[in-house]
C-alpha atoms as a PDB file:
ATOM      1  CA  UNK A   1       9.843   1.149  -4.739  1.00  0.00           C
ATOM      2  CA  UNK A   2       6.915   0.012  -4.974  1.00  0.00           C
ATOM      3  CA  UNK A   3       4.985   3.151  -5.073  1.00  0.00           C
ATOM      4  CA  UNK A   4       7.082   4.583  -7.500  1.00  0.00           C
ATOM      5  CA  UNK A   5       6.450   1.851  -9.930  1.00  0.00           C
ATOM      6  CA  UNK A   6       3.147   1.526  -9.823  1.00  0.00           C
ATOM      7  CA  UNK A   7       2.411   5.229  -9.897  1.00  0.00           C
ATOM      8  CA  UNK A   8       4.184   4.917 -13.288  1.00  0.00           C
ATOM      9  CA  UNK A   9       3.202   1.310 -14.845  1.00  0.00           C
ATOM     10  CA  UNK A  10      -0.219   1.126 -12.589  1.00  0.00           C
ATOM     11  CA  UNK A  11      -3.621   3.152 -13.256  1.00  0.00           C
ATOM     12  CA  UNK A  12      -6.880   2.710 -10.919  1.00  0.00           C
ATOM     13  CA  UNK A  13      -7.794   3.448  -7.235  1.00  0.00           C
ATOM     14  CA  UNK A  14      -7.661   1.794  -3.675  1.00  0.00           C
ATOM     15  CA  UNK A  15     -10.264  -0.842  -5.464  1.00  0.00           C
ATOM     16  CA  UNK A  16      -7.221  -2.391  -7.427  1.00  0.00           C
ATOM     17  CA  UNK A  17      -4.774  -1.242 -10.279  1.00  0.00           C
ATOM     18  CA  UNK A  18      -4.344  -2.524 -13.593  1.00  0.00           C
ATOM     19  CA  UNK A  19      -1.583  -1.811 -16.305  1.00  0.00           C
ATOM     20  CA  UNK A  20      -1.430   1.527 -18.623  1.00  0.00           C
ATOM     21  CA  UNK A  21      -1.073   0.935 -22.121  1.00  0.00           C
ATOM     22  CA  UNK A  22       1.987   2.620 -22.725  1.00  0.00           C
ATOM     23  CA  UNK A  23       3.546   1.359 -26.132  1.00  0.00           C
ATOM     24  CA  UNK A  24       6.813   2.432 -25.081  1.00  0.00           C
ATOM     25  CA  UNK A  25       7.312   1.022 -21.467  1.00  0.00           C
ATOM     26  CA  UNK A  26       6.149  -2.024 -23.072  1.00  0.00           C
ATOM     27  CA  UNK A  27       9.475  -1.882 -25.894  1.00  0.00           C
ATOM     28  CA  UNK A  28      11.965  -0.724 -23.065  1.00  0.00           C
ATOM     29  CA  UNK A  29      10.983  -4.046 -20.824  1.00  0.00           C
ATOM     30  CA  UNK A  30       9.677  -1.959 -18.170  1.00  0.00           C
ATOM     31  CA  UNK A  31       7.017  -4.215 -17.305  1.00  0.00           C
ATOM     32  CA  UNK A  32       9.150  -6.983 -16.926  1.00  0.00           C
ATOM     33  CA  UNK A  33      11.479  -4.894 -14.701  1.00  0.00           C
ATOM     34  CA  UNK A  34       7.990  -4.298 -11.992  1.00  0.00           C
ATOM     35  CA  UNK A  35       7.211  -7.967 -12.342  1.00  0.00           C
ATOM     36  CA  UNK A  36      11.174  -8.993 -11.196  1.00  0.00           C
ATOM     37  CA  UNK A  37      10.574  -6.070  -8.753  1.00  0.00           C
ATOM     38  CA  UNK A  38       7.575  -7.586  -6.978  1.00  0.00           C
ATOM     39  CA  UNK A  39       9.345 -11.311  -7.319  1.00  0.00           C
ATOM     40  CA  UNK A  40      11.992  -9.608  -5.391  1.00  0.00           C
ATOM     41  CA  UNK A  41       9.645  -8.000  -2.859  1.00  0.00           C
ATOM     42  CA  UNK A  42       7.971 -10.631  -1.988  1.00  0.00           C
ATOM     43  CA  UNK A  43      10.759 -12.984  -1.492  1.00  0.00           C
ATOM     44  CA  UNK A  44      11.863 -10.795   0.962  1.00  0.00           C
ATOM     45  CA  UNK A  45       9.106 -10.281   2.918  1.00  0.00           C
ATOM     46  CA  UNK A  46       7.482  -7.134   1.722  1.00  0.00           C
ATOM     47  CA  UNK A  47       5.725  -5.462   1.183  1.00  0.00           C
ATOM     48  CA  UNK A  48       3.214  -7.560  -1.177  1.00  0.00           C
ATOM     49  CA  UNK A  49       2.168  -5.944  -4.209  1.00  0.00           C
ATOM     50  CA  UNK A  50      -1.538  -5.783  -3.840  1.00  0.00           C
ATOM     51  CA  UNK A  51      -2.963  -3.198  -5.313  1.00  0.00           C
ATOM     52  CA  UNK A  52      -4.209  -5.117  -8.600  1.00  0.00           C
ATOM     53  CA  UNK A  53      -7.551  -5.972 -10.045  1.00  0.00           C
ATOM     54  CA  UNK A  54      -9.088  -9.630  -9.684  1.00  0.00           C
ATOM     55  CA  UNK A  55      -8.837  -9.525 -13.714  1.00  0.00           C
ATOM     56  CA  UNK A  56      -5.263  -8.928 -13.595  1.00  0.00           C
ATOM     57  CA  UNK A  57      -4.525 -11.471 -11.042  1.00  0.00           C
ATOM     58  CA  UNK A  58      -6.044 -14.047 -13.182  1.00  0.00           C
ATOM     59  CA  UNK A  59      -4.269 -13.065 -16.259  1.00  0.00           C
ATOM     60  CA  UNK A  60      -0.697 -13.261 -14.649  1.00  0.00           C
ATOM     61  CA  UNK A  61      -1.984 -17.264 -13.292  1.00  0.00           C
ATOM     62  CA  UNK A  62      -3.576 -18.490 -16.387  1.00  0.00           C
ATOM     63  CA  UNK A  63      -4.784 -17.022 -19.767  1.00  0.00           C
ATOM     64  CA  UNK A  64      -8.002 -14.831 -19.762  1.00  0.00           C
ATOM     65  CA  UNK A  65     -11.508 -16.072 -21.083  1.00  0.00           C
ATOM     66  CA  UNK A  66     -13.271 -13.967 -22.409  1.00  0.00           C
ATOM     67  CA  UNK A  67     -16.189 -14.902 -21.250  1.00  0.00           C
ATOM     68  CA  UNK A  68     -15.546 -14.304 -18.453  1.00  0.00           C
ATOM     69  CA  UNK A  69     -14.888 -10.358 -18.416  1.00  0.00           C
ATOM     70  CA  UNK A  70     -17.439  -7.776 -17.682  1.00  0.00           C
ATOM     71  CA  UNK A  71     -17.279  -3.849 -17.480  1.00  0.00           C
ATOM     72  CA  UNK A  72     -14.590  -4.494 -14.268  1.00  0.00           C
ATOM     73  CA  UNK A  73     -12.198  -5.023 -16.867  1.00  0.00           C
ATOM     74  CA  UNK A  74     -12.613  -1.907 -18.733  1.00  0.00           C
ATOM     75  CA  UNK A  75      -9.640   0.408 -17.214  1.00  0.00           C
ATOM     76  CA  UNK A  76      -8.918   2.251 -20.158  1.00  0.00           C
ATOM     77  CA  UNK A  77     -10.105   6.329 -19.032  1.00  0.00           C
ATOM     78  CA  UNK A  78     -10.996   6.812 -22.312  1.00  0.00           C
ATOM     79  CA  UNK A  79     -13.018   4.058 -22.379  1.00  0.00           C
ATOM     80  CA  UNK A  80     -14.304   3.363 -19.299  1.00  0.00           C
ATOM     81  CA  UNK A  81     -18.100   5.144 -18.789  1.00  0.00           C
ATOM     82  CA  UNK A  82     -18.570   3.785 -22.419  1.00  0.00           C
ATOM     83  CA  UNK A  83     -20.257   0.734 -21.409  1.00  0.00           C
ATOM     84  CA  UNK A  84     -22.181   2.397 -19.103  1.00  0.00           C
ATOM     85  CA  UNK A  85     -23.415   4.974 -21.633  1.00  0.00           C
ATOM     86  CA  UNK A  86     -24.043   2.545 -24.434  1.00  0.00           C
ATOM     87  CA  UNK A  87     -26.334   1.235 -21.722  1.00  0.00           C
ATOM     88  CA  UNK A  88     -28.236   4.449 -21.156  1.00  0.00           C
ATOM     89  CA  UNK A  89     -28.392   5.396 -24.419  1.00  0.00           C
ATOM     90  CA  UNK A  90     -31.940   5.239 -26.170  1.00  0.00           C
ATOM     91  CA  UNK A  91     -33.173   4.269 -29.583  1.00  0.00           C
ATOM     92  CA  UNK A  92     -32.603   7.731 -31.108  1.00  0.00           C
ATOM     93  CA  UNK A  93     -29.306   8.428 -28.528  1.00  0.00           C
ATOM     94  CA  UNK A  94     -27.199   5.386 -29.796  1.00  0.00           C
ATOM     95  CA  UNK A  95     -25.423   6.396 -32.940  1.00  0.00           C
ATOM     96  CA  UNK A  96     -23.888   9.856 -30.921  1.00  0.00           C
ATOM     97  CA  UNK A  97     -21.685   7.344 -29.635  1.00  0.00           C
ATOM     98  CA  UNK A  98     -20.292   5.527 -33.327  1.00  0.00           C
ATOM     99  CA  UNK A  99     -16.901   7.159 -33.204  1.00  0.00           C
ATOM    100  CA  UNK A 100     -15.800   5.708 -29.634  1.00  0.00           C
ATOM    101  CA  UNK A 101     -17.340   2.148 -30.690  1.00  0.00           C
ATOM    102  CA  UNK A 102     -15.587   1.837 -33.455  1.00  0.00           C
ATOM    103  CA  UNK A 103     -12.884   3.206 -32.143  1.00  0.00           C
ATOM    104  CA  UNK A 104     -13.131  -0.108 -29.932  1.00  0.00           C
ATOM    105  CA  UNK A 105     -13.493  -2.370 -32.901  1.00  0.00           C
ATOM    106  CA  UNK A 106     -16.831  -3.160 -32.955  1.00  0.00           C
ATOM    107  CA  UNK A 107     -17.894  -4.034 -36.415  1.00  0.00           C
ATOM    108  CA  UNK A 108     -21.359  -4.984 -36.537  1.00  0.00           C
ATOM    109  CA  UNK A 109     -24.605  -2.201 -36.305  1.00  0.00           C
ATOM    110  CA  UNK A 110     -25.045   0.562 -34.057  1.00  0.00           C
ATOM    111  CA  UNK A 111     -28.122  -0.264 -33.089  1.00  0.00           C
ATOM    112  CA  UNK A 112     -30.210  -0.365 -29.926  1.00  0.00           C
ATOM    113  CA  UNK A 113     -31.281  -4.224 -29.874  1.00  0.00           C
ATOM    114  CA  UNK A 114     -27.550  -4.934 -30.458  1.00  0.00           C
ATOM    115  CA  UNK A 115     -26.375  -3.279 -26.856  1.00  0.00           C
ATOM    116  CA  UNK A 116     -25.074  -6.146 -25.508  1.00  0.00           C
ATOM    117  CA  UNK A 117     -22.796  -6.840 -28.196  1.00  0.00           C
ATOM    118  CA  UNK A 118     -21.360  -3.455 -28.386  1.00  0.00           C
ATOM    119  CA  UNK A 119     -21.015  -3.457 -24.268  1.00  0.00           C
ATOM    120  CA  UNK A 120     -19.169  -7.128 -24.599  1.00  0.00           C
ATOM    121  CA  UNK A 121     -16.778  -5.604 -27.945  1.00  0.00           C
ATOM    122  CA  UNK A 122     -16.080  -2.525 -25.429  1.00  0.00           C
ATOM    123  CA  UNK A 123     -14.925  -4.544 -23.074  1.00  0.00           C
ATOM    124  CA  UNK A 124     -12.807  -7.171 -24.800  1.00  0.00           C
ATOM    125  CA  UNK A 125     -11.366  -4.849 -26.301  1.00  0.00           C
ATOM    126  CA  UNK A 126      -9.882  -2.598 -23.274  1.00  0.00           C
ATOM    127  CA  UNK A 127      -8.874  -5.934 -22.050  1.00  0.00           C
ATOM    128  CA  UNK A 128      -6.571  -7.407 -25.332  1.00  0.00           C
ATOM    129  CA  UNK A 129      -4.764  -4.028 -25.503  1.00  0.00           C
ATOM    130  CA  UNK A 130      -3.506  -4.413 -21.865  1.00  0.00           C
ATOM    131  CA  UNK A 131      -2.747  -8.291 -22.263  1.00  0.00           C
ATOM    132  CA  UNK A 132       1.065  -7.723 -23.904  1.00  0.00           C
ATOM    133  CA  UNK A 133       1.907  -5.304 -20.352  1.00  0.00           C
ATOM    134  CA  UNK A 134       0.765  -8.261 -17.773  1.00  0.00           C
ATOM    135  CA  UNK A 135       2.078 -10.872 -19.662  1.00  0.00           C
ATOM    136  CA  UNK A 136       5.505  -8.999 -19.585  1.00  0.00           C
ATOM    137  CA  UNK A 137       4.458  -8.378 -15.730  1.00  0.00           C
ATOM    138  CA  UNK A 138       4.870 -12.355 -15.640  1.00  0.00           C
ATOM    139  CA  UNK A 139       7.948 -12.512 -17.695  1.00  0.00           C
ATOM    140  CA  UNK A 140       9.090 -10.610 -14.439  1.00  0.00           C
ATOM    141  CA  UNK A 141       7.651 -13.301 -11.887  1.00  0.00           C
ATOM    142  CA  UNK A 142       9.844 -15.904 -13.226  1.00  0.00           C
ATOM    143  CA  UNK A 143      12.337 -14.484 -10.952  1.00  0.00           C
ATOM    144  CA  UNK A 144      12.845 -16.744  -8.174  1.00  0.00           C
ATOM    145  CA  UNK A 145      10.144 -19.615 -10.269  1.00  0.00           C
ATOM    146  CA  UNK A 146       7.773 -17.017  -8.476  1.00  0.00           C
ATOM    147  CA  UNK A 147       5.370 -17.295 -11.125  1.00  0.00           C
ATOM    148  CA  UNK A 148       5.192 -21.252 -11.452  1.00  0.00           C
ATOM    149  CA  UNK A 149       4.145 -20.408  -7.378  1.00  0.00           C
ATOM    150  CA  UNK A 150       1.699 -18.305  -8.506  1.00  0.00           C
ATOM    151  CA  UNK A 151       0.059 -20.974 -10.941  1.00  0.00           C
ATOM    152  CA  UNK A 152      -0.266 -23.528  -8.699  1.00  0.00           C
ATOM    153  CA  UNK A 153      -1.040 -22.215  -6.131  1.00  0.00           C
ATOM    154  CA  UNK A 154      -2.970 -19.241  -7.830  1.00  0.00           C
ATOM    155  CA  UNK A 155      -5.818 -18.663  -4.596  1.00  0.00           C
ATOM    156  CA  UNK A 156      -3.305 -18.419  -2.560  1.00  0.00           C
ATOM    157  CA  UNK A 157      -1.395 -16.026  -3.397  1.00  0.00           C
ATOM    158  CA  UNK A 158      -4.535 -13.800  -4.325  1.00  0.00           C
ATOM    159  CA  UNK A 159      -3.843 -12.091  -1.272  1.00  0.00           C
ATOM    160  CA  UNK A 160      -0.456 -10.903  -1.888  1.00  0.00           C
ATOM    161  CA  UNK A 161      -1.955  -9.022  -5.514  1.00  0.00           C
ATOM    162  CA  UNK A 162      -5.084  -7.867  -4.786  1.00  0.00           C
ATOM    163  CA  UNK A 163      -6.491  -5.325  -2.093  1.00  0.00           C
ATOM    164  CA  UNK A 164      -8.545  -6.147   0.997  1.00  0.00           C
ATOM    165  CA  UNK A 165      -6.947  -9.577   2.140  1.00  0.00           C
ATOM    166  CA  UNK A 166      -3.795  -8.699   3.838  1.00  0.00           C
ATOM    167  CA  UNK A 167      -3.898  -6.448   7.385  1.00  0.00           C
ATOM    168  CA  UNK A 168      -3.170  -3.318   7.565  1.00  0.00           C
ATOM    169  CA  UNK A 169      -0.974  -1.883   9.980  1.00  0.00           C
ATOM    170  CA  UNK A 170      -3.276  -0.218  12.914  1.00  0.00           C
ATOM    171  CA  UNK A 171      -2.994   0.754  16.326  1.00  0.00           C
ATOM    172  CA  UNK A 172      -4.513  -2.545  17.685  1.00  0.00           C
ATOM    173  CA  UNK A 173      -1.152  -4.549  15.766  1.00  0.00           C
ATOM    174  CA  UNK A 174       0.934  -1.670  17.070  1.00  0.00           C
ATOM    175  CA  UNK A 175       0.110  -1.629  20.835  1.00  0.00           C
ATOM    176  CA  UNK A 176      -0.016  -5.639  20.755  1.00  0.00           C
ATOM    177  CA  UNK A 177       4.081  -5.396  19.293  1.00  0.00           C
ATOM    178  CA  UNK A 178       5.233  -3.113  22.037  1.00  0.00           C
ATOM    179  CA  UNK A 179       7.680  -4.776  24.171  1.00  0.00           C
ATOM    180  CA  UNK A 180       9.156  -2.329  26.875  1.00  0.00           C
ATOM    181  CA  UNK A 181      12.219  -3.079  28.881  1.00  0.00           C
ATOM    182  CA  UNK A 182      11.050  -2.364  32.135  1.00  0.00           C
ATOM    183  CA  UNK A 183      13.008  -1.240  35.485  1.00  0.00           C
ATOM    184  CA  UNK A 184      12.734  -2.734  38.875  1.00  0.00           C
ATOM    185  CA  UNK A 185       9.144  -2.431  40.264  1.00  0.00           C
ATOM    186  CA  UNK A 186       8.332   0.033  42.109  1.00  0.00           C
ATOM    187  CA  UNK A 187      11.163   2.227  41.422  1.00  0.00           C
ATOM    188  CA  UNK A 188      11.068   5.904  40.610  1.00  0.00           C
ATOM    189  CA  UNK A 189      12.937   4.869  36.871  1.00  0.00           C
ATOM    190  CA  UNK A 190       9.750   2.607  36.476  1.00  0.00           C
ATOM    191  CA  UNK A 191       7.672   5.057  37.570  1.00  0.00           C
ATOM    192  CA  UNK A 192       8.776   7.481  34.392  1.00  0.00           C
ATOM    193  CA  UNK A 193       8.999   4.274  32.154  1.00  0.00           C
ATOM    194  CA  UNK A 194       5.357   3.139  32.391  1.00  0.00           C
ATOM    195  CA  UNK A 195       4.663   7.223  31.661  1.00  0.00           C
ATOM    196  CA  UNK A 196       6.165   7.524  28.668  1.00  0.00           C
ATOM    197  CA  UNK A 197       4.669   4.258  27.760  1.00  0.00           C
ATOM    198  CA  UNK A 198       1.034   5.412  28.117  1.00  0.00           C
ATOM    199  CA  UNK A 199       1.809   8.883  26.338  1.00  0.00           C
ATOM    200  CA  UNK A 200       3.004   6.304  23.452  1.00  0.00           C
ATOM    201  CA  UNK A 201       0.171   4.637  23.674  1.00  0.00           C
ATOM    202  CA  UNK A 202      -2.174   7.761  23.348  1.00  0.00           C
ATOM    203  CA  UNK A 203       0.034   8.763  20.773  1.00  0.00           C
ATOM    204  CA  UNK A 204      -0.907   5.959  18.472  1.00  0.00           C
ATOM    205  CA  UNK A 205      -4.591   6.507  19.372  1.00  0.00           C
ATOM    206  CA  UNK A 206      -4.133  10.275  18.616  1.00  0.00           C
ATOM    207  CA  UNK A 207      -3.027   8.890  15.042  1.00  0.00           C
ATOM    208  CA  UNK A 208      -5.550   6.609  14.063  1.00  0.00           C
ATOM    209  CA  UNK A 209      -8.538   8.406  15.259  1.00  0.00           C
ATOM    210  CA  UNK A 210      -7.003  11.422  13.190  1.00  0.00           C
ATOM    211  CA  UNK A 211      -6.673   8.936   9.730  1.00  0.00           C
ATOM    212  CA  UNK A 212     -10.482   8.045  10.413  1.00  0.00           C
ATOM    213  CA  UNK A 213     -11.512  11.255  11.164  1.00  0.00           C
ATOM    214  CA  UNK A 214     -10.005  12.325   7.520  1.00  0.00           C
ATOM    215  CA  UNK A 215     -11.445   8.933   6.353  1.00  0.00           C
ATOM    216  CA  UNK A 216     -14.346  10.504   7.075  1.00  0.00           C
ATOM    217  CA  UNK A 217     -14.675  14.344   5.590  1.00  0.00           C
ATOM    218  CA  UNK A 218     -13.237  12.180   2.473  1.00  0.00           C
ATOM    219  CA  UNK A 219     -10.242  14.214   2.343  1.00  0.00           C
ATOM    220  CA  UNK A 220      -7.808  11.839   1.533  1.00  0.00           C
ATOM    221  CA  UNK A 221      -3.842  11.282   2.500  1.00  0.00           C
ATOM    222  CA  UNK A 222      -3.236  13.179  -0.598  1.00  0.00           C
ATOM    223  CA  UNK A 223      -4.360  16.805   0.737  1.00  0.00           C
ATOM    224  CA  UNK A 224      -2.724  16.642   4.433  1.00  0.00           C
ATOM    225  CA  UNK A 225       0.604  18.245   5.152  1.00  0.00           C
ATOM    226  CA  UNK A 226       3.483  16.151   4.583  1.00  0.00           C
ATOM    227  CA  UNK A 227       3.979  16.814   8.123  1.00  0.00           C
ATOM    228  CA  UNK A 228       0.930  14.404   8.664  1.00  0.00           C
ATOM    229  CA  UNK A 229       1.348  11.670  10.576  1.00  0.00           C
ATOM    230  CA  UNK A 230       0.525   8.284   9.846  1.00  0.00           C
ATOM    231  CA  UNK A 231       0.245   4.718  11.429  1.00  0.00           C
ATOM    232  CA  UNK A 232       1.917   3.688   8.357  1.00  0.00           C
ATOM    233  CA  UNK A 233       4.382   6.498   8.887  1.00  0.00           C
ATOM    234  CA  UNK A 234       4.755   5.741  12.828  1.00  0.00           C
ATOM    235  CA  UNK A 235       5.790   2.294  11.562  1.00  0.00           C
ATOM    236  CA  UNK A 236       8.141   2.718   9.118  1.00  0.00           C
ATOM    237  CA  UNK A 237       9.839   4.997  11.080  1.00  0.00           C
ATOM    238  CA  UNK A 238       9.619   2.300  13.816  1.00  0.00           C
ATOM    239  CA  UNK A 239      11.187  -0.409  11.800  1.00  0.00           C
ATOM    240  CA  UNK A 240      11.875   0.916   8.643  1.00  0.00           C
ATOM    241  CA  UNK A 241       9.347  -0.690   7.117  1.00  0.00           C
ATOM    242  CA  UNK A 242       6.070   0.027   6.656  1.00  0.00           C
ATOM    243  CA  UNK A 243       3.474  -3.065   6.045  1.00  0.00           C
ATOM    244  CA  UNK A 244       2.653  -5.791   8.558  1.00  0.00           C
ATOM    245  CA  UNK A 245       4.759  -9.192   8.145  1.00  0.00           C
ATOM    246  CA  UNK A 246       3.640 -11.759   5.275  1.00  0.00           C
ATOM    247  CA  UNK A 247       3.431 -14.940   7.109  1.00  0.00           C
ATOM    248  CA  UNK A 248       1.278 -15.238  10.173  1.00  0.00           C
ATOM    249  CA  UNK A 249       3.777 -17.065  12.587  1.00  0.00           C
ATOM    250  CA  UNK A 250       6.512 -13.634  12.001  1.00  0.00           C
ATOM    251  CA  UNK A 251       3.283 -11.403  12.394  1.00  0.00           C
ATOM    252  CA  UNK A 252       2.840 -13.366  15.666  1.00  0.00           C
ATOM    253  CA  UNK A 253       6.086 -13.297  16.659  1.00  0.00           C
ATOM    254  CA  UNK A 254       6.906  -9.642  15.534  1.00  0.00           C
ATOM    255  CA  UNK A 255       7.946  -7.313  18.663  1.00  0.00           C
ATOM    256  CA  UNK A 256       9.353  -3.560  18.786  1.00  0.00           C
ATOM    257  CA  UNK A 257      11.847  -3.625  21.841  1.00  0.00           C
ATOM    258  CA  UNK A 258      11.098  -0.498  23.905  1.00  0.00           C
ATOM    259  CA  UNK A 259      14.155   0.776  26.160  1.00  0.00           C
ATOM    260  CA  UNK A 260      14.862   3.702  28.528  1.00  0.00           C
ATOM    261  CA  UNK A 261      17.692   5.945  28.576  1.00  0.00           C
ATOM    262  CA  UNK A 262      17.949   7.792  32.238  1.00  0.00           C
ATOM    263  CA  UNK A 263      21.436   8.996  31.827  1.00  0.00           C
ATOM    264  CA  UNK A 264      21.542  11.355  29.159  1.00  0.00           C
ATOM    265  CA  UNK A 265      22.762  14.213  31.814  1.00  0.00           C
ATOM    266  CA  UNK A 266      25.752  12.290  32.381  1.00  0.00           C
ATOM    267  CA  UNK A 267      26.977  11.634  28.537  1.00  0.00           C
ATOM    268  CA  UNK A 268      25.803  15.256  27.213  1.00  0.00           C
ATOM    269  CA  UNK A 269      25.998  17.752  29.909  1.00  0.00           C
ATOM    270  CA  UNK A 270      23.475  19.951  30.647  1.00  0.00           C
ATOM    271  CA  UNK A 271      20.868  20.031  27.707  1.00  0.00           C
ATOM    272  CA  UNK A 272      17.566  20.995  26.425  1.00  0.00           C
ATOM    273  CA  UNK A 273      16.036  18.920  24.055  1.00  0.00           C
ATOM    274  CA  UNK A 274      16.956  14.990  23.151  1.00  0.00           C
ATOM    275  CA  UNK A 275      15.217  12.894  19.923  1.00  0.00           C
ATOM    276  CA  UNK A 276      13.906   8.981  20.494  1.00  0.00           C
ATOM    277  CA  UNK A 277      16.953   6.590  19.066  1.00  0.00           C
ATOM    278  CA  UNK A 278      15.543   4.123  16.687  1.00  0.00           C
ATOM    279  CA  UNK A 279      17.424   0.799  15.843  1.00  0.00           C
ATOM    280  CA  UNK A 280      15.673  -0.267  12.582  1.00  0.00           C
ATOM    281  CA  UNK A 281      17.235  -3.596  11.990  1.00  0.00           C
ATOM    282  CA  UNK A 282      16.951  -4.374  15.368  1.00  0.00           C
ATOM    283  CA  UNK A 283      13.785  -3.035  15.265  1.00  0.00           C
ATOM    284  CA  UNK A 284      13.984  -1.223  18.870  1.00  0.00           C
ATOM    285  CA  UNK A 285      13.819   2.315  20.260  1.00  0.00           C
ATOM    286  CA  UNK A 286      15.246   4.239  22.827  1.00  0.00           C
ATOM    287  CA  UNK A 287      13.424   7.046  24.775  1.00  0.00           C
ATOM    288  CA  UNK A 288      15.216   9.650  26.767  1.00  0.00           C
ATOM    289  CA  UNK A 289      13.253   9.893  29.914  1.00  0.00           C
ATOM    290  CA  UNK A 290      14.676  13.531  31.058  1.00  0.00           C
ATOM    291  CA  UNK A 291      12.198  15.741  28.310  1.00  0.00           C
ATOM    292  CA  UNK A 292       9.199  13.627  28.255  1.00  0.00           C
ATOM    293  CA  UNK A 293       7.044  14.646  31.531  1.00  0.00           C
ATOM    294  CA  UNK A 294       4.219  15.794  29.480  1.00  0.00           C
ATOM    295  CA  UNK A 295       2.720  14.286  27.235  1.00  0.00           C
ATOM    296  CA  UNK A 296       2.603  17.505  25.153  1.00  0.00           C
ATOM    297  CA  UNK A 297       6.233  17.526  24.937  1.00  0.00           C
ATOM    298  CA  UNK A 298       5.981  13.839  24.184  1.00  0.00           C
ATOM    299  CA  UNK A 299       3.775  14.374  21.134  1.00  0.00           C
ATOM    300  CA  UNK A 300       6.075  17.438  20.359  1.00  0.00           C
ATOM    301  CA  UNK A 301       9.020  15.523  20.247  1.00  0.00           C
ATOM    302  CA  UNK A 302       7.861  12.180  18.346  1.00  0.00           C
ATOM    303  CA  UNK A 303       6.106  14.750  15.746  1.00  0.00           C
ATOM    304  CA  UNK A 304       9.343  16.314  15.106  1.00  0.00           C
ATOM    305  CA  UNK A 305      11.656  13.248  15.372  1.00  0.00           C
ATOM    306  CA  UNK A 306       9.652  11.503  12.409  1.00  0.00           C
ATOM    307  CA  UNK A 307       9.097  14.583  10.631  1.00  0.00           C
ATOM    308  CA  UNK A 308      13.190  15.312  10.355  1.00  0.00           C
ATOM    309  CA  UNK A 309      14.379  11.941  10.496  1.00  0.00           C
ATOM    310  CA  UNK A 310      14.873  11.537   6.550  1.00  0.00           C
ATOM    311  CA  UNK A 311      17.768   8.748   6.424  1.00  0.00           C
ATOM    312  CA  UNK A 312      19.066   6.238   8.917  1.00  0.00           C
ATOM    313  CA  UNK A 313      21.898   8.238  12.013  1.00  0.00           C
ATOM    314  CA  UNK A 314      21.703  10.189  14.342  1.00  0.00           C
ATOM    315  CA  UNK A 315      22.813  13.515  13.111  1.00  0.00           C
END
């Protein structure tokens, strides 16, 4: 739900997002609803809406100081390049930007010597026009008195809103969280179980390597097929959530229980394939041991299970 809200009402990249300028959404109190969703999400343990620009976080916590605004506060797609264009303009070319400068509310001389005043006006115009949207988000954050908490502990709460603070799900966290329930040491069952755990570790590392390769090639996840599996996608399949617990004590105690099913034939008779069974509420997974004899079998079955699990249920 958070992703859908952010796509509809916020704009910007991975470095931070700010509310879109939309009078229609403002009239319908959509930004207030957005703030309420943020508050509920944090109260229930996440995910945190940590995609907001620092300026938006500051405005949510206190009044925006116009003297502290910078070019980073310009988020309007139509204006975002204008401050740089003004700075780069020469004495003879700055007049070519007159229409766009005047549309920003600037009423002073449009001359080379007044570049700083022009740029400051553009920045202020861009920031001021989204303040009503931010204030409506703040109204929504009053749910559970979260906005009061945000005012009193703005630095502590900053990590919940601003990118770069919260740890993302990675192979290390996932592997440390795995808690296999092994059979008796030295038994044939124990040997099969250890082999499956090794396959799982190799599978997780492969996913992380593919993500790093995609980032290095600057392809991004949006250019990948719907079947492309990421660490976050695997984590959500296993646990029902794609984020690490927000509270440190919960992160340390977080475990994924791994069990093994050696008796598939006794229950199902002669069959060709079995898939792992997930219990997201209990944070556990049960692997069938019969059909996971090689890493290729493991990879194929896991990929099919993850990509075809669109809802809770075995069928």
